[in-house]
């Protein structure tokens, strides 16, 4: 496997690790970085999506 092939495979893996999240402000693109450090805000986008889509917190 050549260097260009490895770059293409790595780019495809990055695309697979992306997800769209619906928030009150619109759609947000979330991308996981396998080599990145964990942060306390890491799951915040998914919690915001939960709050946006459930009617319990509309008021």
PDB file of N, CA and C in Angstrom:
ATOM      1  N   UNK A   1       0.853  -1.164   0.000  1.00  0.00           N
ATOM      2  CA  UNK A   1       0.000   0.000   0.000  1.00  0.00           C
ATOM      3  C   UNK A   1       0.902   1.232   0.000  1.00  0.00           C
ATOM      4  N   UNK A   2       0.711   2.111  -0.981  1.00  0.00           N
ATOM      5  CA  UNK A   2       1.524   3.304  -1.085  1.00  0.00           C
ATOM      6  C   UNK A   2       1.064   4.405  -0.141  1.00  0.00           C
ATOM      7  N   UNK A   3       1.857   5.469  -0.117  1.00  0.00           N
ATOM      8  CA  UNK A   3       1.547   6.582   0.785  1.00  0.00           C
ATOM      9  C   UNK A   3       0.227   7.257   0.423  1.00  0.00           C
ATOM     10  N   UNK A   4      -0.041   7.417  -0.870  1.00  0.00           N
ATOM     11  CA  UNK A   4      -1.296   8.051  -1.281  1.00  0.00           C
ATOM     12  C   UNK A   4      -2.499   7.188  -0.913  1.00  0.00           C
ATOM     13  N   UNK A   5      -2.337   5.879  -0.995  1.00  0.00           N
ATOM     14  CA  UNK A   5      -3.421   4.962  -0.614  1.00  0.00           C
ATOM     15  C   UNK A   5      -3.693   5.052   0.888  1.00  0.00           C
ATOM     16  N   UNK A   6      -2.631   5.160   1.691  1.00  0.00           N
ATOM     17  CA  UNK A   6      -2.802   5.301   3.137  1.00  0.00           C
ATOM     18  C   UNK A   6      -3.518   6.602   3.479  1.00  0.00           C
ATOM     19  N   UNK A   7      -3.195   7.682   2.774  1.00  0.00           N
ATOM     20  CA  UNK A   7      -3.873   8.964   3.007  1.00  0.00           C
ATOM     21  C   UNK A   7      -5.358   8.855   2.674  1.00  0.00           C
ATOM     22  N   UNK A   8      -5.677   8.162   1.582  1.00  0.00           N
ATOM     23  CA  UNK A   8      -7.077   8.000   1.184  1.00  0.00           C
ATOM     24  C   UNK A   8      -7.836   7.181   2.224  1.00  0.00           C
ATOM     25  N   UNK A   9      -7.244   6.114   2.700  1.00  0.00           N
ATOM     26  CA  UNK A   9      -7.883   5.271   3.713  1.00  0.00           C
ATOM     27  C   UNK A   9      -8.088   6.066   4.997  1.00  0.00           C
ATOM     28  N   UNK A  10      -7.089   6.861   5.380  1.00  0.00           N
ATOM     29  CA  UNK A  10      -7.202   7.673   6.593  1.00  0.00           C
ATOM     30  C   UNK A  10      -8.316   8.718   6.439  1.00  0.00           C
ATOM     31  N   UNK A  11      -8.440   9.316   5.262  1.00  0.00           N
ATOM     32  CA  UNK A  11      -9.502  10.296   5.018  1.00  0.00           C
ATOM     33  C   UNK A  11     -10.870   9.634   5.097  1.00  0.00           C
ATOM     34  N   UNK A  12     -11.003   8.415   4.571  1.00  0.00           N
ATOM     35  CA  UNK A  12     -12.279   7.694   4.647  1.00  0.00           C
ATOM     36  C   UNK A  12     -12.631   7.361   6.091  1.00  0.00           C
ATOM     37  N   UNK A  13     -11.643   7.020   6.900  1.00  0.00           N
ATOM     38  CA  UNK A  13     -11.899   6.730   8.311  1.00  0.00           C
ATOM     39  C   UNK A  13     -12.388   7.962   9.040  1.00  0.00           C
ATOM     40  N   UNK A  14     -11.842   9.132   8.702  1.00  0.00           N
ATOM     41  CA  UNK A  14     -12.305  10.367   9.318  1.00  0.00           C
ATOM     42  C   UNK A  14     -13.755  10.638   8.951  1.00  0.00           C
ATOM     43  N   UNK A  15     -14.126  10.377   7.689  1.00  0.00           N
ATOM     44  CA  UNK A  15     -15.511  10.594   7.276  1.00  0.00           C
ATOM     45  C   UNK A  15     -16.461   9.667   8.023  1.00  0.00           C
ATOM     46  N   UNK A  16     -16.030   8.443   8.273  1.00  0.00           N
ATOM     47  CA  UNK A  16     -16.875   7.489   8.975  1.00  0.00           C
ATOM     48  C   UNK A  16     -17.070   7.873  10.443  1.00  0.00           C
ATOM     49  N   UNK A  17     -16.151   8.657  10.992  1.00  0.00           N
ATOM     50  CA  UNK A  17     -16.252   9.028  12.394  1.00  0.00           C
ATOM     51  C   UNK A  17     -17.021  10.335  12.586  1.00  0.00           C
ATOM     52  N   UNK A  18     -17.665  10.845  11.534  1.00  0.00           N
ATOM     53  CA  UNK A  18     -18.446  12.077  11.622  1.00  0.00           C
ATOM     54  C   UNK A  18     -19.920  11.741  11.834  1.00  0.00           C
ATOM     55  N   UNK A  19     -20.600  12.640  12.530  1.00  0.00           N
ATOM     56  CA  UNK A  19     -22.032  12.478  12.747  1.00  0.00           C
ATOM     57  C   UNK A  19     -22.675  13.859  12.770  1.00  0.00           C
ATOM     58  N   UNK A  20     -23.903  13.935  12.302  1.00  0.00           N
ATOM     59  CA  UNK A  20     -24.653  15.183  12.350  1.00  0.00           C
ATOM     60  C   UNK A  20     -25.586  15.137  13.553  1.00  0.00           C
ATOM     61  N   UNK A  21     -25.650  16.247  14.286  1.00  0.00           N
ATOM     62  CA  UNK A  21     -26.475  16.349  15.482  1.00  0.00           C
ATOM     63  C   UNK A  21     -27.430  17.522  15.292  1.00  0.00           C
ATOM     64  N   UNK A  22     -28.707  17.303  15.562  1.00  0.00           N
ATOM     65  CA  UNK A  22     -29.718  18.358  15.433  1.00  0.00           C
ATOM     66  C   UNK A  22     -29.809  19.128  16.737  1.00  0.00           C
ATOM     67  N   UNK A  23     -29.610  20.444  16.697  1.00  0.00           N
ATOM     68  CA  UNK A  23     -29.729  21.286  17.880  1.00  0.00           C
ATOM     69  C   UNK A  23     -30.732  22.396  17.602  1.00  0.00           C
ATOM     70  N   UNK A  24     -31.054  23.175  18.617  1.00  0.00           N
ATOM     71  CA  UNK A  24     -31.999  24.272  18.443  1.00  0.00           C
ATOM     72  C   UNK A  24     -31.458  25.313  17.462  1.00  0.00           C
ATOM     73  N   UNK A  25     -30.159  25.445  17.376  1.00  0.00           N
ATOM     74  CA  UNK A  25     -29.532  26.398  16.466  1.00  0.00           C
ATOM     75  C   UNK A  25     -29.291  25.850  15.076  1.00  0.00           C
ATOM     76  N   UNK A  26     -29.653  24.598  14.818  1.00  0.00           N
ATOM     77  CA  UNK A  26     -29.437  23.960  13.519  1.00  0.00           C
ATOM     78  C   UNK A  26     -28.585  22.720  13.666  1.00  0.00           C
ATOM     79  N   UNK A  27     -28.225  22.150  12.521  1.00  0.00           N
ATOM     80  CA  UNK A  27     -27.413  20.929  12.530  1.00  0.00           C
ATOM     81  C   UNK A  27     -25.964  21.259  12.843  1.00  0.00           C
ATOM     82  N   UNK A  28     -25.333  20.397  13.623  1.00  0.00           N
ATOM     83  CA  UNK A  28     -23.936  20.545  14.001  1.00  0.00           C
ATOM     84  C   UNK A  28     -23.207  19.271  13.605  1.00  0.00           C
ATOM     85  N   UNK A  29     -22.051  19.416  12.981  1.00  0.00           N
ATOM     86  CA  UNK A  29     -21.239  18.269  12.589  1.00  0.00           C
ATOM     87  C   UNK A  29     -20.300  17.913  13.737  1.00  0.00           C
ATOM     88  N   UNK A  30     -20.327  16.652  14.166  1.00  0.00           N
ATOM     89  CA  UNK A  30     -19.478  16.175  15.252  1.00  0.00           C
ATOM     90  C   UNK A  30     -18.492  15.178  14.677  1.00  0.00           C
ATOM     91  N   UNK A  31     -17.203  15.364  14.981  1.00  0.00           N
ATOM     92  CA  UNK A  31     -16.183  14.458  14.488  1.00  0.00           C
ATOM     93  C   UNK A  31     -15.365  13.941  15.662  1.00  0.00           C
ATOM     94  N   UNK A  32     -15.227  12.624  15.736  1.00  0.00           N
ATOM     95  CA  UNK A  32     -14.423  12.003  16.784  1.00  0.00           C
ATOM     96  C   UNK A  32     -12.997  11.890  16.306  1.00  0.00           C
ATOM     97  N   UNK A  33     -12.059  12.231  17.160  1.00  0.00           N
ATOM     98  CA  UNK A  33     -10.648  12.050  16.870  1.00  0.00           C
ATOM     99  C   UNK A  33     -10.123  10.950  17.795  1.00  0.00           C
ATOM    100  N   UNK A  34      -9.725   9.844  17.206  1.00  0.00           N
ATOM    101  CA  UNK A  34      -9.287   8.694  17.993  1.00  0.00           C
ATOM    102  C   UNK A  34      -8.036   9.006  18.819  1.00  0.00           C
ATOM    103  N   UNK A  35      -7.192   9.874  18.311  1.00  0.00           N
ATOM    104  CA  UNK A  35      -5.950  10.193  19.006  1.00  0.00           C
ATOM    105  C   UNK A  35      -6.092  11.385  19.948  1.00  0.00           C
ATOM    106  N   UNK A  36      -7.261  12.020  19.961  1.00  0.00           N
ATOM    107  CA  UNK A  36      -7.459  13.208  20.789  1.00  0.00           C
ATOM    108  C   UNK A  36      -7.680  12.855  22.252  1.00  0.00           C
ATOM    109  N   UNK A  37      -7.384  13.815  23.100  1.00  0.00           N
ATOM    110  CA  UNK A  37      -7.604  13.626  24.536  1.00  0.00           C
ATOM    111  C   UNK A  37      -9.093  13.792  24.858  1.00  0.00           C
ATOM    112  N   UNK A  38      -9.547  13.130  25.879  1.00  0.00           N
ATOM    113  CA  UNK A  38     -10.944  13.240  26.300  1.00  0.00           C
ATOM    114  C   UNK A  38     -11.165  14.580  26.993  1.00  0.00           C
ATOM    115  N   UNK A  39     -12.337  15.149  26.777  1.00  0.00           N
ATOM    116  CA  UNK A  39     -12.671  16.415  27.419  1.00  0.00           C
ATOM    117  C   UNK A  39     -13.983  16.257  28.173  1.00  0.00           C
ATOM    118  N   UNK A  40     -14.250  17.101  29.169  1.00  0.00           N
ATOM    119  CA  UNK A  40     -15.523  17.005  29.892  1.00  0.00           C
ATOM    120  C   UNK A  40     -16.711  17.402  29.021  1.00  0.00           C
ATOM    121  N   UNK A  41     -16.476  18.095  27.913  1.00  0.00           N
ATOM    122  CA  UNK A  41     -17.557  18.535  27.034  1.00  0.00           C
ATOM    123  C   UNK A  41     -17.766  17.584  25.852  1.00  0.00           C
ATOM    124  N   UNK A  42     -17.110  16.439  25.869  1.00  0.00           N
ATOM    125  CA  UNK A  42     -17.120  15.528  24.730  1.00  0.00           C
ATOM    126  C   UNK A  42     -18.506  15.067  24.305  1.00  0.00           C
ATOM    127  N   UNK A  43     -19.394  14.793  25.237  1.00  0.00           N
ATOM    128  CA  UNK A  43     -20.730  14.294  24.916  1.00  0.00           C
ATOM    129  C   UNK A  43     -21.782  15.399  24.909  1.00  0.00           C
ATOM    130  N   UNK A  44     -21.380  16.635  25.069  1.00  0.00           N
ATOM    131  CA  UNK A  44     -22.326  17.740  25.186  1.00  0.00           C
ATOM    132  C   UNK A  44     -23.197  17.899  23.942  1.00  0.00           C
ATOM    133  N   UNK A  45     -22.650  17.698  22.764  1.00  0.00           N
ATOM    134  CA  UNK A  45     -23.437  17.846  21.528  1.00  0.00           C
ATOM    135  C   UNK A  45     -24.601  16.860  21.504  1.00  0.00           C
ATOM    136  N   UNK A  46     -24.385  15.647  21.971  1.00  0.00           N
ATOM    137  CA  UNK A  46     -25.454  14.649  21.968  1.00  0.00           C
ATOM    138  C   UNK A  46     -26.494  14.943  23.057  1.00  0.00           C
ATOM    139  N   UNK A  47     -26.070  15.507  24.162  1.00  0.00           N
ATOM    140  CA  UNK A  47     -27.022  15.894  25.200  1.00  0.00           C
ATOM    141  C   UNK A  47     -27.885  17.068  24.718  1.00  0.00           C
ATOM    142  N   UNK A  48     -27.287  18.012  24.004  1.00  0.00           N
ATOM    143  CA  UNK A  48     -28.049  19.128  23.438  1.00  0.00           C
ATOM    144  C   UNK A  48     -29.064  18.607  22.432  1.00  0.00           C
ATOM    145  N   UNK A  49     -28.677  17.619  21.622  1.00  0.00           N
ATOM    146  CA  UNK A  49     -29.623  17.020  20.675  1.00  0.00           C
ATOM    147  C   UNK A  49     -30.789  16.387  21.431  1.00  0.00           C
ATOM    148  N   UNK A  50     -30.504  15.690  22.511  1.00  0.00           N
ATOM    149  CA  UNK A  50     -31.552  15.078  23.322  1.00  0.00           C
ATOM    150  C   UNK A  50     -32.518  16.138  23.843  1.00  0.00           C
ATOM    151  N   UNK A  51     -31.981  17.235  24.373  1.00  0.00           N
ATOM    152  CA  UNK A  51     -32.838  18.300  24.896  1.00  0.00           C
ATOM    153  C   UNK A  51     -33.662  18.959  23.795  1.00  0.00           C
ATOM    154  N   UNK A  52     -33.099  19.078  22.621  1.00  0.00           N
ATOM    155  CA  UNK A  52     -33.791  19.696  21.499  1.00  0.00           C
ATOM    156  C   UNK A  52     -34.945  18.830  21.000  1.00  0.00           C
ATOM    157  N   UNK A  53     -34.753  17.533  20.961  1.00  0.00           N
ATOM    158  CA  UNK A  53     -35.741  16.639  20.362  1.00  0.00           C
ATOM    159  C   UNK A  53     -36.819  16.155  21.319  1.00  0.00           C
ATOM    160  N   UNK A  54     -36.599  16.303  22.626  1.00  0.00           N
ATOM    161  CA  UNK A  54     -37.619  15.865  23.579  1.00  0.00           C
ATOM    162  C   UNK A  54     -38.492  17.046  23.977  1.00  0.00           C
ATOM    163  N   UNK A  55     -39.791  16.837  24.071  1.00  0.00           N
ATOM    164  CA  UNK A  55     -40.693  17.937  24.412  1.00  0.00           C
ATOM    165  C   UNK A  55     -40.686  18.303  25.898  1.00  0.00           C
ATOM    166  N   UNK A  56     -40.018  17.538  26.719  1.00  0.00           N
ATOM    167  CA  UNK A  56     -40.041  17.775  28.164  1.00  0.00           C
ATOM    168  C   UNK A  56     -39.444  19.120  28.559  1.00  0.00           C
ATOM    169  N   UNK A  57     -38.495  19.607  27.801  1.00  0.00           N
ATOM    170  CA  UNK A  57     -37.778  20.807  28.186  1.00  0.00           C
ATOM    171  C   UNK A  57     -38.169  22.007  27.327  1.00  0.00           C
ATOM    172  N   UNK A  58     -39.300  21.949  26.636  1.00  0.00           N
ATOM    173  CA  UNK A  58     -39.735  23.058  25.782  1.00  0.00           C
ATOM    174  C   UNK A  58     -40.065  24.307  26.589  1.00  0.00           C
ATOM    175  N   UNK A  59     -40.603  24.125  27.781  1.00  0.00           N
ATOM    176  CA  UNK A  59     -40.953  25.296  28.576  1.00  0.00           C
ATOM    177  C   UNK A  59     -39.708  25.866  29.221  1.00  0.00           C
TER     178      UNK A  59
END
